[in-house]
């Protein structure tokens, strides 16, 4: 995904998360999706970075103008990160060198 394509519009306002039956997740207030695969999403929201982990995760709907993302799959965890992407990269390196 090109860097310009994964940056959301500046219209992003409120940040909300809705999880239904642990199978669907809607996140509003998304500024940027840094990375994603079927087990993990890393997104920047207007309230900080968030990591969503699960199984069989995939994007159902992406509204870059409003900053809304809908994800389906089994949600195992959702975590806000205080220091954003840098903290995520440091965690990955610490796991590699244990």
N, C-alpha and C. Protein backbone atom coordinates (compact mmCIF):
# COMPACT_ATOMS: atom_id res chain seq x y z
N UNK A 1 0.85 -1.17 0.00
CA UNK A 1 0.00 0.00 0.00
C UNK A 1 0.90 1.23 0.00
N UNK A 2 0.66 2.15 -0.91
CA UNK A 2 1.43 3.38 -1.01
C UNK A 2 1.20 4.24 0.23
N UNK A 3 2.22 5.00 0.61
CA UNK A 3 2.12 5.82 1.82
C UNK A 3 0.94 6.77 1.76
N UNK A 4 0.68 7.36 0.59
CA UNK A 4 -0.44 8.28 0.46
C UNK A 4 -1.79 7.57 0.56
N UNK A 5 -1.84 6.31 0.19
CA UNK A 5 -3.09 5.58 0.21
C UNK A 5 -3.51 5.18 1.62
N UNK A 6 -2.57 4.98 2.54
CA UNK A 6 -2.94 4.52 3.86
C UNK A 6 -3.13 5.66 4.86
N UNK A 7 -3.06 6.90 4.42
CA UNK A 7 -3.30 8.05 5.28
C UNK A 7 -4.74 8.51 5.09
N UNK A 8 -5.46 8.62 6.21
CA UNK A 8 -6.86 9.00 6.15
C UNK A 8 -7.00 10.51 5.97
N UNK A 9 -8.17 10.94 5.62
CA UNK A 9 -8.48 12.34 5.42
C UNK A 9 -8.36 13.12 6.73
N UNK A 10 -8.29 14.43 6.63
CA UNK A 10 -8.21 15.27 7.82
C UNK A 10 -9.58 15.50 8.45
N UNK A 11 -10.65 14.90 7.92
CA UNK A 11 -12.00 15.06 8.46
C UNK A 11 -12.18 14.25 9.74
N UNK A 12 -11.25 13.38 10.07
CA UNK A 12 -11.33 12.50 11.23
C UNK A 12 -11.66 13.31 12.47
N UNK A 13 -12.69 12.87 13.22
CA UNK A 13 -13.07 13.62 14.42
C UNK A 13 -13.15 12.71 15.63
N UNK A 14 -14.31 12.22 15.98
CA UNK A 14 -14.50 11.40 17.17
C UNK A 14 -13.86 10.03 17.01
N UNK A 15 -13.46 9.46 18.15
CA UNK A 15 -12.89 8.12 18.15
C UNK A 15 -13.77 7.21 18.97
N UNK A 16 -14.30 6.18 18.33
CA UNK A 16 -15.14 5.18 18.99
C UNK A 16 -14.75 3.81 18.51
N UNK A 17 -14.99 2.82 19.36
CA UNK A 17 -14.78 1.43 18.99
C UNK A 17 -16.03 0.65 19.37
N UNK A 18 -16.53 -0.13 18.41
CA UNK A 18 -17.68 -0.99 18.66
C UNK A 18 -17.30 -2.41 18.28
N UNK A 19 -17.45 -3.34 19.23
CA UNK A 19 -17.19 -4.75 18.97
C UNK A 19 -18.51 -5.50 19.13
N UNK A 20 -18.87 -6.26 18.11
CA UNK A 20 -20.11 -7.04 18.15
C UNK A 20 -19.78 -8.52 18.12
N UNK A 21 -20.18 -9.22 19.17
CA UNK A 21 -20.01 -10.67 19.27
C UNK A 21 -18.58 -11.13 19.03
N UNK A 22 -17.63 -10.27 19.29
CA UNK A 22 -16.21 -10.58 19.12
C UNK A 22 -15.86 -10.97 17.67
N UNK A 23 -16.78 -10.66 16.74
CA UNK A 23 -16.59 -11.04 15.34
C UNK A 23 -16.45 -9.85 14.41
N UNK A 24 -17.03 -8.72 14.77
CA UNK A 24 -16.92 -7.52 13.95
C UNK A 24 -16.51 -6.35 14.83
N UNK A 25 -15.70 -5.49 14.25
CA UNK A 25 -15.15 -4.35 14.99
C UNK A 25 -15.24 -3.13 14.09
N UNK A 26 -15.75 -2.04 14.61
CA UNK A 26 -15.81 -0.78 13.87
C UNK A 26 -15.02 0.24 14.67
N UNK A 27 -14.05 0.88 14.01
CA UNK A 27 -13.22 1.89 14.65
C UNK A 27 -13.42 3.20 13.90
N UNK A 28 -13.75 4.26 14.63
CA UNK A 28 -13.86 5.59 14.03
C UNK A 28 -12.72 6.44 14.56
N UNK A 29 -12.45 7.52 13.85
CA UNK A 29 -11.36 8.41 14.26
C UNK A 29 -9.99 7.88 13.85
N UNK A 30 -9.95 7.07 12.81
CA UNK A 30 -8.68 6.50 12.34
C UNK A 30 -7.98 7.50 11.43
N UNK A 31 -6.73 7.79 11.75
CA UNK A 31 -5.92 8.69 10.93
C UNK A 31 -5.15 7.93 9.86
N UNK A 32 -4.62 6.75 10.25
CA UNK A 32 -3.74 6.02 9.34
C UNK A 32 -3.69 4.56 9.74
N UNK A 33 -3.66 3.67 8.76
CA UNK A 33 -3.40 2.25 9.01
C UNK A 33 -1.94 2.02 8.67
N UNK A 34 -1.13 1.71 9.68
CA UNK A 34 0.30 1.50 9.45
C UNK A 34 0.58 0.13 8.87
N UNK A 35 -0.08 -0.90 9.40
CA UNK A 35 0.12 -2.25 8.88
C UNK A 35 -1.07 -3.11 9.27
N UNK A 36 -1.27 -4.16 8.49
CA UNK A 36 -2.32 -5.11 8.83
C UNK A 36 -2.08 -6.43 8.12
N UNK A 37 -2.54 -7.48 8.77
CA UNK A 37 -2.59 -8.80 8.17
C UNK A 37 -3.72 -9.55 8.83
N UNK A 38 -3.81 -10.85 8.63
CA UNK A 38 -4.96 -11.58 9.16
C UNK A 38 -4.88 -11.84 10.66
N UNK A 39 -3.76 -11.43 11.31
CA UNK A 39 -3.62 -11.61 12.76
C UNK A 39 -3.46 -10.31 13.54
N UNK A 40 -3.13 -9.20 12.85
CA UNK A 40 -2.87 -7.97 13.59
C UNK A 40 -3.06 -6.73 12.73
N UNK A 41 -3.67 -5.71 13.33
CA UNK A 41 -3.81 -4.39 12.71
C UNK A 41 -3.10 -3.38 13.60
N UNK A 42 -2.35 -2.47 13.01
CA UNK A 42 -1.73 -1.35 13.71
C UNK A 42 -2.25 -0.07 13.07
N UNK A 43 -3.01 0.73 13.84
CA UNK A 43 -3.63 1.94 13.32
C UNK A 43 -3.34 3.13 14.21
N UNK A 44 -3.21 4.27 13.58
CA UNK A 44 -3.11 5.52 14.33
C UNK A 44 -4.49 6.15 14.36
N UNK A 45 -4.97 6.44 15.57
CA UNK A 45 -6.26 7.12 15.72
C UNK A 45 -5.99 8.50 16.31
N UNK A 46 -7.02 9.30 16.41
CA UNK A 46 -6.83 10.61 17.03
C UNK A 46 -6.68 10.52 18.54
N UNK A 47 -6.72 9.31 19.11
CA UNK A 47 -6.47 9.09 20.54
C UNK A 47 -5.19 8.28 20.75
N UNK A 48 -4.39 8.09 19.70
CA UNK A 48 -3.14 7.35 19.80
C UNK A 48 -3.15 6.09 18.96
N UNK A 49 -2.05 5.37 19.00
CA UNK A 49 -1.94 4.12 18.24
C UNK A 49 -2.71 3.01 18.94
N UNK A 50 -3.27 2.11 18.14
CA UNK A 50 -4.02 0.98 18.65
C UNK A 50 -3.59 -0.27 17.89
N UNK A 51 -3.45 -1.37 18.63
CA UNK A 51 -3.13 -2.66 18.04
C UNK A 51 -4.31 -3.59 18.28
N UNK A 52 -4.80 -4.20 17.21
CA UNK A 52 -5.89 -5.17 17.30
C UNK A 52 -5.32 -6.51 16.87
N UNK A 53 -5.46 -7.51 17.73
CA UNK A 53 -4.96 -8.84 17.43
C UNK A 53 -6.12 -9.82 17.38
N UNK A 54 -5.98 -10.82 16.53
CA UNK A 54 -7.04 -11.81 16.41
C UNK A 54 -6.69 -12.88 15.39
N UNK A 55 -7.73 -13.51 14.88
CA UNK A 55 -7.58 -14.59 13.90
C UNK A 55 -8.51 -14.32 12.72
N UNK A 56 -8.00 -14.49 11.53
CA UNK A 56 -8.82 -14.30 10.33
C UNK A 56 -9.32 -12.88 10.16
N UNK A 57 -8.53 -11.90 10.58
CA UNK A 57 -8.95 -10.50 10.49
C UNK A 57 -8.85 -10.00 9.06
N UNK A 58 -9.86 -9.26 8.64
CA UNK A 58 -9.82 -8.64 7.32
C UNK A 58 -10.69 -7.39 7.32
N UNK A 59 -10.34 -6.47 6.45
CA UNK A 59 -11.08 -5.21 6.34
C UNK A 59 -12.38 -5.47 5.58
N UNK A 60 -13.48 -5.10 6.20
CA UNK A 60 -14.78 -5.20 5.53
C UNK A 60 -15.09 -3.90 4.81
N UNK A 61 -14.81 -2.78 5.47
CA UNK A 61 -15.13 -1.47 4.92
C UNK A 61 -14.07 -0.47 5.37
N UNK A 62 -13.66 0.37 4.44
CA UNK A 62 -12.67 1.40 4.74
C UNK A 62 -13.17 2.72 4.17
N UNK A 63 -13.43 3.68 5.04
CA UNK A 63 -13.89 5.00 4.63
C UNK A 63 -12.78 5.99 4.98
N UNK A 64 -11.95 6.30 3.99
CA UNK A 64 -10.81 7.18 4.26
C UNK A 64 -11.23 8.62 4.48
N UNK A 65 -12.36 9.02 3.95
CA UNK A 65 -12.82 10.39 4.13
C UNK A 65 -13.26 10.65 5.56
N UNK A 66 -14.05 9.72 6.14
CA UNK A 66 -14.54 9.86 7.50
C UNK A 66 -13.60 9.27 8.54
N UNK A 67 -12.65 8.42 8.12
CA UNK A 67 -11.73 7.79 9.07
C UNK A 67 -12.35 6.62 9.79
N UNK A 68 -13.19 5.84 9.10
CA UNK A 68 -13.85 4.68 9.68
C UNK A 68 -13.31 3.39 9.08
N UNK A 69 -13.09 2.39 9.93
CA UNK A 69 -12.62 1.09 9.48
C UNK A 69 -13.49 0.02 10.12
N UNK A 70 -13.99 -0.91 9.30
CA UNK A 70 -14.73 -2.07 9.79
C UNK A 70 -13.89 -3.31 9.54
N UNK A 71 -13.75 -4.14 10.58
CA UNK A 71 -12.92 -5.33 10.52
C UNK A 71 -13.76 -6.53 10.93
N UNK A 72 -13.59 -7.64 10.22
CA UNK A 72 -14.27 -8.87 10.65
C UNK A 72 -13.23 -9.93 10.94
N UNK A 73 -13.60 -10.89 11.77
CA UNK A 73 -12.71 -11.95 12.20
C UNK A 73 -12.83 -12.09 13.71
N UNK A 74 -12.11 -13.03 14.28
CA UNK A 74 -12.15 -13.23 15.73
C UNK A 74 -11.20 -12.25 16.41
N UNK A 75 -11.73 -11.38 17.25
CA UNK A 75 -10.93 -10.38 17.97
C UNK A 75 -10.45 -10.98 19.28
N UNK A 76 -9.13 -11.04 19.46
CA UNK A 76 -8.55 -11.57 20.70
C UNK A 76 -8.12 -10.47 21.66
N UNK A 77 -7.62 -9.36 21.12
CA UNK A 77 -7.20 -8.27 22.01
C UNK A 77 -7.20 -6.95 21.26
N UNK A 78 -7.27 -5.89 22.06
CA UNK A 78 -7.24 -4.54 21.56
C UNK A 78 -6.42 -3.75 22.57
N UNK A 79 -5.39 -3.04 22.10
CA UNK A 79 -4.47 -2.39 23.03
C UNK A 79 -4.06 -1.02 22.49
N UNK A 80 -4.16 -0.01 23.34
CA UNK A 80 -3.63 1.31 22.99
C UNK A 80 -2.16 1.36 23.37
N UNK A 81 -1.37 2.01 22.54
CA UNK A 81 0.07 2.13 22.80
C UNK A 81 0.39 3.59 23.09
N UNK A 82 1.11 3.82 24.17
CA UNK A 82 1.43 5.18 24.58
C UNK A 82 2.40 5.89 23.64
N UNK A 83 3.35 5.14 23.09
CA UNK A 83 4.39 5.78 22.28
C UNK A 83 4.31 5.40 20.82
N UNK A 84 3.21 4.83 20.41
CA UNK A 84 2.93 4.59 19.00
C UNK A 84 3.78 3.55 18.33
N UNK A 85 4.07 3.80 17.08
CA UNK A 85 4.75 2.85 16.21
C UNK A 85 6.14 2.50 16.73
N UNK A 86 6.84 3.44 17.30
CA UNK A 86 8.19 3.19 17.81
C UNK A 86 8.16 2.10 18.88
N UNK A 87 7.17 2.14 19.78
CA UNK A 87 7.04 1.12 20.83
C UNK A 87 6.80 -0.25 20.20
N UNK A 88 5.99 -0.30 19.17
CA UNK A 88 5.69 -1.56 18.49
C UNK A 88 6.97 -2.13 17.88
N UNK A 89 7.77 -1.30 17.24
CA UNK A 89 9.02 -1.77 16.63
C UNK A 89 9.99 -2.25 17.70
N UNK A 90 10.07 -1.56 18.82
CA UNK A 90 10.96 -1.98 19.90
C UNK A 90 10.53 -3.34 20.47
N UNK A 91 9.22 -3.55 20.59
CA UNK A 91 8.72 -4.84 21.09
C UNK A 91 9.08 -5.97 20.14
N UNK A 92 9.01 -5.72 18.84
CA UNK A 92 9.34 -6.74 17.85
C UNK A 92 10.83 -7.11 17.95
N UNK A 93 11.71 -6.12 18.09
CA UNK A 93 13.13 -6.37 18.19
C UNK A 93 13.48 -7.08 19.49
N UNK A 94 12.81 -6.75 20.58
CA UNK A 94 13.12 -7.41 21.86
C UNK A 94 12.72 -8.87 21.80
N UNK A 95 11.66 -9.20 21.07
CA UNK A 95 11.26 -10.61 20.92
C UNK A 95 12.27 -11.38 20.08
N UNK A 96 12.82 -10.73 19.08
CA UNK A 96 13.80 -11.38 18.20
C UNK A 96 15.09 -11.72 18.92
N UNK A 97 15.51 -10.87 19.84
CA UNK A 97 16.82 -11.01 20.47
C UNK A 97 16.76 -11.56 21.89
N UNK A 98 15.68 -12.24 22.25
CA UNK A 98 15.58 -12.86 23.58
C UNK A 98 16.37 -14.13 23.63
